[in-house]
PDB file of N, CA and C in Angstrom:
ATOM      1  N   UNK A   1      14.575 -49.400  81.739  1.00  0.00           N
ATOM      2  CA  UNK A   1      14.300 -47.940  81.751  1.00  0.00           C
ATOM      3  C   UNK A   1      12.779 -47.753  81.922  1.00  0.00           C
ATOM      4  N   UNK A   2      12.504 -46.831  82.896  1.00  0.00           N
ATOM      5  CA  UNK A   2      11.012 -46.486  83.104  1.00  0.00           C
ATOM      6  C   UNK A   2      10.612 -45.504  82.006  1.00  0.00           C
ATOM      7  N   UNK A   3       9.242 -45.622  81.757  1.00  0.00           N
ATOM      8  CA  UNK A   3       8.709 -44.748  80.742  1.00  0.00           C
ATOM      9  C   UNK A   3       8.985 -43.374  80.853  1.00  0.00           C
ATOM     10  N   UNK A   4       8.990 -42.807  82.102  1.00  0.00           N
ATOM     11  CA  UNK A   4       9.254 -41.368  82.398  1.00  0.00           C
ATOM     12  C   UNK A   4      10.717 -41.019  81.930  1.00  0.00           C
ATOM     13  N   UNK A   5      11.572 -41.969  82.283  1.00  0.00           N
ATOM     14  CA  UNK A   5      13.043 -41.670  81.883  1.00  0.00           C
ATOM     15  C   UNK A   5      13.216 -41.738  80.408  1.00  0.00           C
ATOM     16  N   UNK A   6      12.469 -42.533  79.772  1.00  0.00           N
ATOM     17  CA  UNK A   6      12.547 -42.606  78.236  1.00  0.00           C
ATOM     18  C   UNK A   6      11.979 -41.395  77.647  1.00  0.00           C
ATOM     19  N   UNK A   7      11.007 -40.806  78.204  1.00  0.00           N
ATOM     20  CA  UNK A   7      10.402 -39.552  77.739  1.00  0.00           C
ATOM     21  C   UNK A   7      11.307 -38.446  77.902  1.00  0.00           C
ATOM     22  N   UNK A   8      12.103 -38.415  79.003  1.00  0.00           N
ATOM     23  CA  UNK A   8      13.090 -37.410  79.254  1.00  0.00           C
ATOM     24  C   UNK A   8      14.245 -37.550  78.342  1.00  0.00           C
ATOM     25  N   UNK A   9      14.774 -38.748  78.089  1.00  0.00           N
ATOM     26  CA  UNK A   9      15.796 -38.859  77.090  1.00  0.00           C
ATOM     27  C   UNK A   9      15.407 -38.409  75.670  1.00  0.00           C
ATOM     28  N   UNK A  10      14.189 -38.775  75.306  1.00  0.00           N
ATOM     29  CA  UNK A  10      13.662 -38.350  74.017  1.00  0.00           C
ATOM     30  C   UNK A  10      13.614 -36.843  73.850  1.00  0.00           C
ATOM     31  N   UNK A  11      13.143 -36.286  74.985  1.00  0.00           N
ATOM     32  CA  UNK A  11      12.973 -34.749  74.886  1.00  0.00           C
ATOM     33  C   UNK A  11      14.253 -33.900  74.978  1.00  0.00           C
ATOM     34  N   UNK A  12      15.296 -34.613  75.661  1.00  0.00           N
ATOM     35  CA  UNK A  12      16.609 -33.834  75.897  1.00  0.00           C
ATOM     36  C   UNK A  12      17.614 -34.235  74.863  1.00  0.00           C
ATOM     37  N   UNK A  13      17.521 -35.409  74.378  1.00  0.00           N
ATOM     38  CA  UNK A  13      18.732 -35.841  73.452  1.00  0.00           C
ATOM     39  C   UNK A  13      18.235 -35.988  71.970  1.00  0.00           C
ATOM     40  N   UNK A  14      17.171 -36.736  71.768  1.00  0.00           N
ATOM     41  CA  UNK A  14      16.783 -37.174  70.417  1.00  0.00           C
ATOM     42  C   UNK A  14      16.057 -35.921  69.713  1.00  0.00           C
ATOM     43  N   UNK A  15      15.190 -35.217  70.227  1.00  0.00           N
ATOM     44  CA  UNK A  15      14.459 -34.136  69.549  1.00  0.00           C
ATOM     45  C   UNK A  15      15.486 -33.096  69.064  1.00  0.00           C
ATOM     46  N   UNK A  16      16.319 -32.654  69.992  1.00  0.00           N
ATOM     47  CA  UNK A  16      17.310 -31.618  69.430  1.00  0.00           C
ATOM     48  C   UNK A  16      18.183 -32.117  68.303  1.00  0.00           C
ATOM     49  N   UNK A  17      18.540 -33.402  68.332  1.00  0.00           N
ATOM     50  CA  UNK A  17      19.312 -33.843  67.202  1.00  0.00           C
ATOM     51  C   UNK A  17      18.454 -33.835  65.954  1.00  0.00           C
ATOM     52  N   UNK A  18      17.233 -34.300  65.969  1.00  0.00           N
ATOM     53  CA  UNK A  18      16.270 -34.256  64.821  1.00  0.00           C
ATOM     54  C   UNK A  18      16.069 -32.837  64.269  1.00  0.00           C
ATOM     55  N   UNK A  19      15.962 -31.939  65.201  1.00  0.00           N
ATOM     56  CA  UNK A  19      15.866 -30.497  64.686  1.00  0.00           C
ATOM     57  C   UNK A  19      17.045 -30.054  63.889  1.00  0.00           C
ATOM     58  N   UNK A  20      18.231 -30.370  64.526  1.00  0.00           N
ATOM     59  CA  UNK A  20      19.559 -30.010  63.804  1.00  0.00           C
ATOM     60  C   UNK A  20      19.688 -30.690  62.434  1.00  0.00           C
ATOM     61  N   UNK A  21      19.193 -31.729  62.171  1.00  0.00           N
ATOM     62  CA  UNK A  21      19.254 -32.486  60.933  1.00  0.00           C
ATOM     63  C   UNK A  21      18.635 -31.554  59.805  1.00  0.00           C
ATOM     64  N   UNK A  22      17.564 -30.885  60.170  1.00  0.00           N
ATOM     65  CA  UNK A  22      16.962 -30.126  59.238  1.00  0.00           C
ATOM     66  C   UNK A  22      17.623 -28.772  58.963  1.00  0.00           C
ATOM     67  N   UNK A  23      18.470 -28.350  59.876  1.00  0.00           N
ATOM     68  CA  UNK A  23      19.195 -27.070  59.729  1.00  0.00           C
ATOM     69  C   UNK A  23      20.519 -27.166  59.163  1.00  0.00           C
ATOM     70  N   UNK A  24      21.051 -28.401  59.051  1.00  0.00           N
ATOM     71  CA  UNK A  24      22.445 -28.556  58.430  1.00  0.00           C
ATOM     72  C   UNK A  24      22.370 -28.314  56.994  1.00  0.00           C
ATOM     73  N   UNK A  25      23.430 -27.740  56.360  1.00  0.00           N
ATOM     74  CA  UNK A  25      23.495 -27.465  54.944  1.00  0.00           C
ATOM     75  C   UNK A  25      23.418 -28.859  54.293  1.00  0.00           C
ATOM     76  N   UNK A  26      23.020 -28.813  52.948  1.00  0.00           N
ATOM     77  CA  UNK A  26      22.911 -30.024  52.150  1.00  0.00           C
ATOM     78  C   UNK A  26      24.359 -30.517  51.924  1.00  0.00           C
ATOM     79  N   UNK A  27      24.513 -31.918  51.989  1.00  0.00           N
ATOM     80  CA  UNK A  27      25.829 -32.485  51.721  1.00  0.00           C
ATOM     81  C   UNK A  27      26.192 -32.421  50.297  1.00  0.00           C
ATOM     82  N   UNK A  28      25.220 -32.224  49.438  1.00  0.00           N
ATOM     83  CA  UNK A  28      25.452 -32.313  48.007  1.00  0.00           C
ATOM     84  C   UNK A  28      25.728 -30.887  47.524  1.00  0.00           C
ATOM     85  N   UNK A  29      26.347 -29.954  48.281  1.00  0.00           N
ATOM     86  CA  UNK A  29      26.664 -28.690  47.856  1.00  0.00           C
ATOM     87  C   UNK A  29      27.581 -28.820  46.721  1.00  0.00           C
ATOM     88  N   UNK A  30      27.457 -27.995  45.714  1.00  0.00           N
ATOM     89  CA  UNK A  30      28.464 -28.057  44.657  1.00  0.00           C
ATOM     90  C   UNK A  30      29.773 -27.349  44.945  1.00  0.00           C
ATOM     91  N   UNK A  31      30.723 -27.916  44.766  1.00  0.00           N
ATOM     92  CA  UNK A  31      32.189 -27.423  45.040  1.00  0.00           C
ATOM     93  C   UNK A  31      32.924 -27.034  43.847  1.00  0.00           C
ATOM     94  N   UNK A  32      33.415 -25.770  43.856  1.00  0.00           N
ATOM     95  CA  UNK A  32      34.109 -25.282  42.766  1.00  0.00           C
ATOM     96  C   UNK A  32      35.621 -25.636  42.879  1.00  0.00           C
ATOM     97  N   UNK A  33      36.094 -26.418  41.930  1.00  0.00           N
ATOM     98  CA  UNK A  33      37.514 -26.912  41.906  1.00  0.00           C
ATOM     99  C   UNK A  33      38.291 -26.075  40.895  1.00  0.00           C
ATOM    100  N   UNK A  34      39.384 -25.593  41.377  1.00  0.00           N
ATOM    101  CA  UNK A  34      40.314 -24.664  40.490  1.00  0.00           C
ATOM    102  C   UNK A  34      41.602 -25.247  40.148  1.00  0.00           C
ATOM    103  N   UNK A  35      41.884 -26.513  40.634  1.00  0.00           N
ATOM    104  CA  UNK A  35      43.282 -27.009  40.476  1.00  0.00           C
ATOM    105  C   UNK A  35      43.708 -27.356  39.128  1.00  0.00           C
ATOM    106  N   UNK A  36      42.730 -27.791  38.303  1.00  0.00           N
ATOM    107  CA  UNK A  36      42.925 -28.166  36.903  1.00  0.00           C
ATOM    108  C   UNK A  36      42.334 -27.121  36.030  1.00  0.00           C
ATOM    109  N   UNK A  37      42.992 -26.905  34.872  1.00  0.00           N
ATOM    110  CA  UNK A  37      42.502 -25.884  34.027  1.00  0.00           C
ATOM    111  C   UNK A  37      41.159 -26.227  33.441  1.00  0.00           C
ATOM    112  N   UNK A  38      40.879 -27.527  33.241  1.00  0.00           N
ATOM    113  CA  UNK A  38      39.563 -27.891  32.585  1.00  0.00           C
ATOM    114  C   UNK A  38      38.539 -27.518  33.565  1.00  0.00           C
ATOM    115  N   UNK A  39      38.765 -27.776  34.932  1.00  0.00           N
ATOM    116  CA  UNK A  39      37.854 -27.501  35.879  1.00  0.00           C
ATOM    117  C   UNK A  39      37.574 -25.966  36.006  1.00  0.00           C
ATOM    118  N   UNK A  40      38.618 -25.199  35.980  1.00  0.00           N
ATOM    119  CA  UNK A  40      38.519 -23.731  36.061  1.00  0.00           C
ATOM    120  C   UNK A  40      37.777 -23.302  34.829  1.00  0.00           C
ATOM    121  N   UNK A  41      38.045 -23.733  33.578  1.00  0.00           N
ATOM    122  CA  UNK A  41      37.243 -23.370  32.483  1.00  0.00           C
ATOM    123  C   UNK A  41      35.836 -23.644  32.496  1.00  0.00           C
ATOM    124  N   UNK A  42      35.556 -24.941  33.009  1.00  0.00           N
ATOM    125  CA  UNK A  42      34.107 -25.368  33.239  1.00  0.00           C
ATOM    126  C   UNK A  42      33.354 -24.386  34.075  1.00  0.00           C
ATOM    127  N   UNK A  43      33.859 -24.135  35.217  1.00  0.00           N
ATOM    128  CA  UNK A  43      33.225 -23.294  36.265  1.00  0.00           C
ATOM    129  C   UNK A  43      33.082 -21.810  35.754  1.00  0.00           C
ATOM    130  N   UNK A  44      34.190 -21.314  35.085  1.00  0.00           N
ATOM    131  CA  UNK A  44      34.136 -19.922  34.549  1.00  0.00           C
ATOM    132  C   UNK A  44      33.076 -19.769  33.485  1.00  0.00           C
ATOM    133  N   UNK A  45      33.022 -20.710  32.585  1.00  0.00           N
ATOM    134  CA  UNK A  45      31.909 -20.743  31.490  1.00  0.00           C
ATOM    135  C   UNK A  45      30.582 -20.824  32.239  1.00  0.00           C
ATOM    136  N   UNK A  46      30.434 -21.747  33.115  1.00  0.00           N
ATOM    137  CA  UNK A  46      29.064 -22.101  33.738  1.00  0.00           C
ATOM    138  C   UNK A  46      28.650 -20.609  34.467  1.00  0.00           C
ATOM    139  N   UNK A  47      29.477 -20.052  35.026  1.00  0.00           N
ATOM    140  CA  UNK A  47      29.164 -18.789  35.756  1.00  0.00           C
ATOM    141  C   UNK A  47      29.303 -17.520  34.910  1.00  0.00           C
ATOM    142  N   UNK A  48      29.778 -17.653  33.762  1.00  0.00           N
ATOM    143  CA  UNK A  48      29.761 -16.540  32.841  1.00  0.00           C
ATOM    144  C   UNK A  48      30.815 -15.481  33.112  1.00  0.00           C
ATOM    145  N   UNK A  49      31.979 -15.972  33.607  1.00  0.00           N
ATOM    146  CA  UNK A  49      33.090 -15.004  34.024  1.00  0.00           C
ATOM    147  C   UNK A  49      34.439 -15.666  33.429  1.00  0.00           C
ATOM    148  N   UNK A  50      35.393 -14.817  33.559  1.00  0.00           N
ATOM    149  CA  UNK A  50      36.734 -15.356  33.078  1.00  0.00           C
ATOM    150  C   UNK A  50      37.335 -16.299  34.343  1.00  0.00           C
ATOM    151  N   UNK A  51      38.354 -16.959  33.961  1.00  0.00           N
ATOM    152  CA  UNK A  51      38.947 -17.868  34.995  1.00  0.00           C
ATOM    153  C   UNK A  51      39.599 -16.981  36.042  1.00  0.00           C
ATOM    154  N   UNK A  52      40.144 -15.957  35.582  1.00  0.00           N
ATOM    155  CA  UNK A  52      40.800 -14.898  36.598  1.00  0.00           C
ATOM    156  C   UNK A  52      39.802 -14.383  37.620  1.00  0.00           C
ATOM    157  N   UNK A  53      38.596 -14.010  37.068  1.00  0.00           N
ATOM    158  CA  UNK A  53      37.599 -13.505  38.008  1.00  0.00           C
ATOM    159  C   UNK A  53      37.097 -14.573  38.858  1.00  0.00           C
ATOM    160  N   UNK A  54      36.971 -15.761  38.340  1.00  0.00           N
ATOM    161  CA  UNK A  54      36.666 -16.917  39.290  1.00  0.00           C
ATOM    162  C   UNK A  54      37.700 -17.095  40.304  1.00  0.00           C
ATOM    163  N   UNK A  55      38.902 -17.129  40.059  1.00  0.00           N
ATOM    164  CA  UNK A  55      39.881 -17.248  41.070  1.00  0.00           C
ATOM    165  C   UNK A  55      39.895 -16.157  42.135  1.00  0.00           C
ATOM    166  N   UNK A  56      39.735 -14.930  41.574  1.00  0.00           N
ATOM    167  CA  UNK A  56      39.620 -13.728  42.464  1.00  0.00           C
ATOM    168  C   UNK A  56      38.451 -13.989  43.448  1.00  0.00           C
ATOM    169  N   UNK A  57      37.349 -14.402  42.879  1.00  0.00           N
ATOM    170  CA  UNK A  57      36.120 -14.723  43.799  1.00  0.00           C
ATOM    171  C   UNK A  57      36.421 -15.652  44.812  1.00  0.00           C
ATOM    172  N   UNK A  58      37.036 -16.745  44.515  1.00  0.00           N
ATOM    173  CA  UNK A  58      37.374 -17.754  45.516  1.00  0.00           C
ATOM    174  C   UNK A  58      38.304 -17.151  46.538  1.00  0.00           C
ATOM    175  N   UNK A  59      39.329 -16.312  46.179  1.00  0.00           N
ATOM    176  CA  UNK A  59      40.272 -15.767  47.089  1.00  0.00           C
ATOM    177  C   UNK A  59      39.493 -14.757  48.056  1.00  0.00           C
ATOM    178  N   UNK A  60      38.602 -14.017  47.391  1.00  0.00           N
ATOM    179  CA  UNK A  60      37.945 -12.940  48.145  1.00  0.00           C
ATOM    180  C   UNK A  60      36.934 -13.617  49.281  1.00  0.00           C
ATOM    181  N   UNK A  61      36.330 -14.670  48.847  1.00  0.00           N
ATOM    182  CA  UNK A  61      35.252 -15.295  49.694  1.00  0.00           C
ATOM    183  C   UNK A  61      35.852 -16.225  50.639  1.00  0.00           C
ATOM    184  N   UNK A  62      37.093 -16.799  50.307  1.00  0.00           N
ATOM    185  CA  UNK A  62      37.820 -17.816  50.990  1.00  0.00           C
ATOM    186  C   UNK A  62      36.852 -19.094  51.048  1.00  0.00           C
ATOM    187  N   UNK A  63      36.063 -19.305  50.034  1.00  0.00           N
ATOM    188  CA  UNK A  63      35.183 -20.353  49.950  1.00  0.00           C
ATOM    189  C   UNK A  63      35.040 -20.972  48.629  1.00  0.00           C
ATOM    190  N   UNK A  64      34.685 -22.214  48.529  1.00  0.00           N
ATOM    191  CA  UNK A  64      34.701 -22.825  47.162  1.00  0.00           C
ATOM    192  C   UNK A  64      33.384 -23.596  46.825  1.00  0.00           C
ATOM    193  N   UNK A  65      32.289 -23.111  47.651  1.00  0.00           N
ATOM    194  CA  UNK A  65      31.046 -23.582  47.240  1.00  0.00           C
ATOM    195  C   UNK A  65      30.216 -22.772  46.242  1.00  0.00           C
ATOM    196  N   UNK A  66      29.524 -23.386  45.518  1.00  0.00           N
ATOM    197  CA  UNK A  66      28.946 -22.658  44.301  1.00  0.00           C
ATOM    198  C   UNK A  66      27.968 -21.541  44.740  1.00  0.00           C
ATOM    199  N   UNK A  67      27.211 -21.755  45.883  1.00  0.00           N
ATOM    200  CA  UNK A  67      26.257 -20.733  46.332  1.00  0.00           C
ATOM    201  C   UNK A  67      27.029 -19.563  46.861  1.00  0.00           C
ATOM    202  N   UNK A  68      28.192 -19.640  47.513  1.00  0.00           N
ATOM    203  CA  UNK A  68      28.827 -18.525  48.017  1.00  0.00           C
ATOM    204  C   UNK A  68      29.562 -17.660  46.919  1.00  0.00           C
ATOM    205  N   UNK A  69      30.052 -18.401  45.889  1.00  0.00           N
ATOM    206  CA  UNK A  69      30.683 -17.760  44.768  1.00  0.00           C
ATOM    207  C   UNK A  69      29.700 -17.099  43.970  1.00  0.00           C
ATOM    208  N   UNK A  70      28.536 -17.613  43.683  1.00  0.00           N
ATOM    209  CA  UNK A  70      27.609 -16.939  42.936  1.00  0.00           C
ATOM    210  C   UNK A  70      27.023 -15.717  43.602  1.00  0.00           C
ATOM    211  N   UNK A  71      26.885 -15.863  44.952  1.00  0.00           N
ATOM    212  CA  UNK A  71      26.352 -14.764  45.680  1.00  0.00           C
ATOM    213  C   UNK A  71      27.500 -13.562  45.604  1.00  0.00           C
ATOM    214  N   UNK A  72      28.632 -13.924  45.724  1.00  0.00           N
ATOM    215  CA  UNK A  72      29.743 -12.963  45.761  1.00  0.00           C
ATOM    216  C   UNK A  72      29.749 -12.219  44.244  1.00  0.00           C
ATOM    217  N   UNK A  73      29.697 -13.066  43.231  1.00  0.00           N
ATOM    218  CA  UNK A  73      29.676 -12.422  41.898  1.00  0.00           C
ATOM    219  C   UNK A  73      28.428 -11.611  41.563  1.00  0.00           C
ATOM    220  N   UNK A  74      27.370 -12.037  42.114  1.00  0.00           N
ATOM    221  CA  UNK A  74      26.176 -11.191  41.891  1.00  0.00           C
ATOM    222  C   UNK A  74      26.349  -9.846  42.638  1.00  0.00           C
ATOM    223  N   UNK A  75      26.875  -9.883  43.804  1.00  0.00           N
ATOM    224  CA  UNK A  75      27.047  -8.692  44.552  1.00  0.00           C
ATOM    225  C   UNK A  75      28.008  -7.853  43.943  1.00  0.00           C
ATOM    226  N   UNK A  76      28.985  -8.365  43.314  1.00  0.00           N
ATOM    227  CA  UNK A  76      30.170  -7.692  42.666  1.00  0.00           C
ATOM    228  C   UNK A  76      29.585  -6.987  41.355  1.00  0.00           C
ATOM    229  N   UNK A  77      28.748  -7.592  40.687  1.00  0.00           N
ATOM    230  CA  UNK A  77      28.094  -7.072  39.455  1.00  0.00           C
ATOM    231  C   UNK A  77      27.179  -5.964  39.823  1.00  0.00           C
ATOM    232  N   UNK A  78      26.337  -6.013  40.921  1.00  0.00           N
ATOM    233  CA  UNK A  78      25.517  -4.990  41.378  1.00  0.00           C
ATOM    234  C   UNK A  78      26.392  -3.739  41.768  1.00  0.00           C
ATOM    235  N   UNK A  79      27.539  -3.934  42.511  1.00  0.00           N
ATOM    236  CA  UNK A  79      28.244  -2.914  43.073  1.00  0.00           C
ATOM    237  C   UNK A  79      29.029  -2.066  41.916  1.00  0.00           C
ATOM    238  N   UNK A  80      29.300  -2.683  40.743  1.00  0.00           N
ATOM    239  CA  UNK A  80      30.009  -2.045  39.808  1.00  0.00           C
ATOM    240  C   UNK A  80      29.026  -1.677  38.589  1.00  0.00           C
ATOM    241  N   UNK A  81      27.700  -1.961  38.790  1.00  0.00           N
ATOM    242  CA  UNK A  81      26.640  -1.475  37.787  1.00  0.00           C
ATOM    243  C   UNK A  81      26.467  -2.397  36.621  1.00  0.00           C
ATOM    244  N   UNK A  82      26.868  -3.578  36.625  1.00  0.00           N
ATOM    245  CA  UNK A  82      26.762  -4.425  35.517  1.00  0.00           C
ATOM    246  C   UNK A  82      25.450  -5.189  35.659  1.00  0.00           C
ATOM    247  N   UNK A  83      24.615  -5.283  34.517  1.00  0.00           N
ATOM    248  CA  UNK A  83      23.364  -6.032  34.748  1.00  0.00           C
ATOM    249  C   UNK A  83      23.586  -7.395  34.149  1.00  0.00           C
TER     250      UNK A  83
END
């Protein structure tokens, strides 16, 4: 491969891939599991809500990542005026 072709490959293929690596979410996102009662209780206690509220938050967001659930619960508290 000639040097000019190598530069083109780097610019068109490798650099966009490297940029995307920095934009992808962390693989180590915390996942909220609800299938076992002990898991539900752990997450409910950690988030300061009942297990029913936690299940409702998962249903409402259709998501099981901690950041999405905490964002939803924070917004919910603001909308009903709880500090």
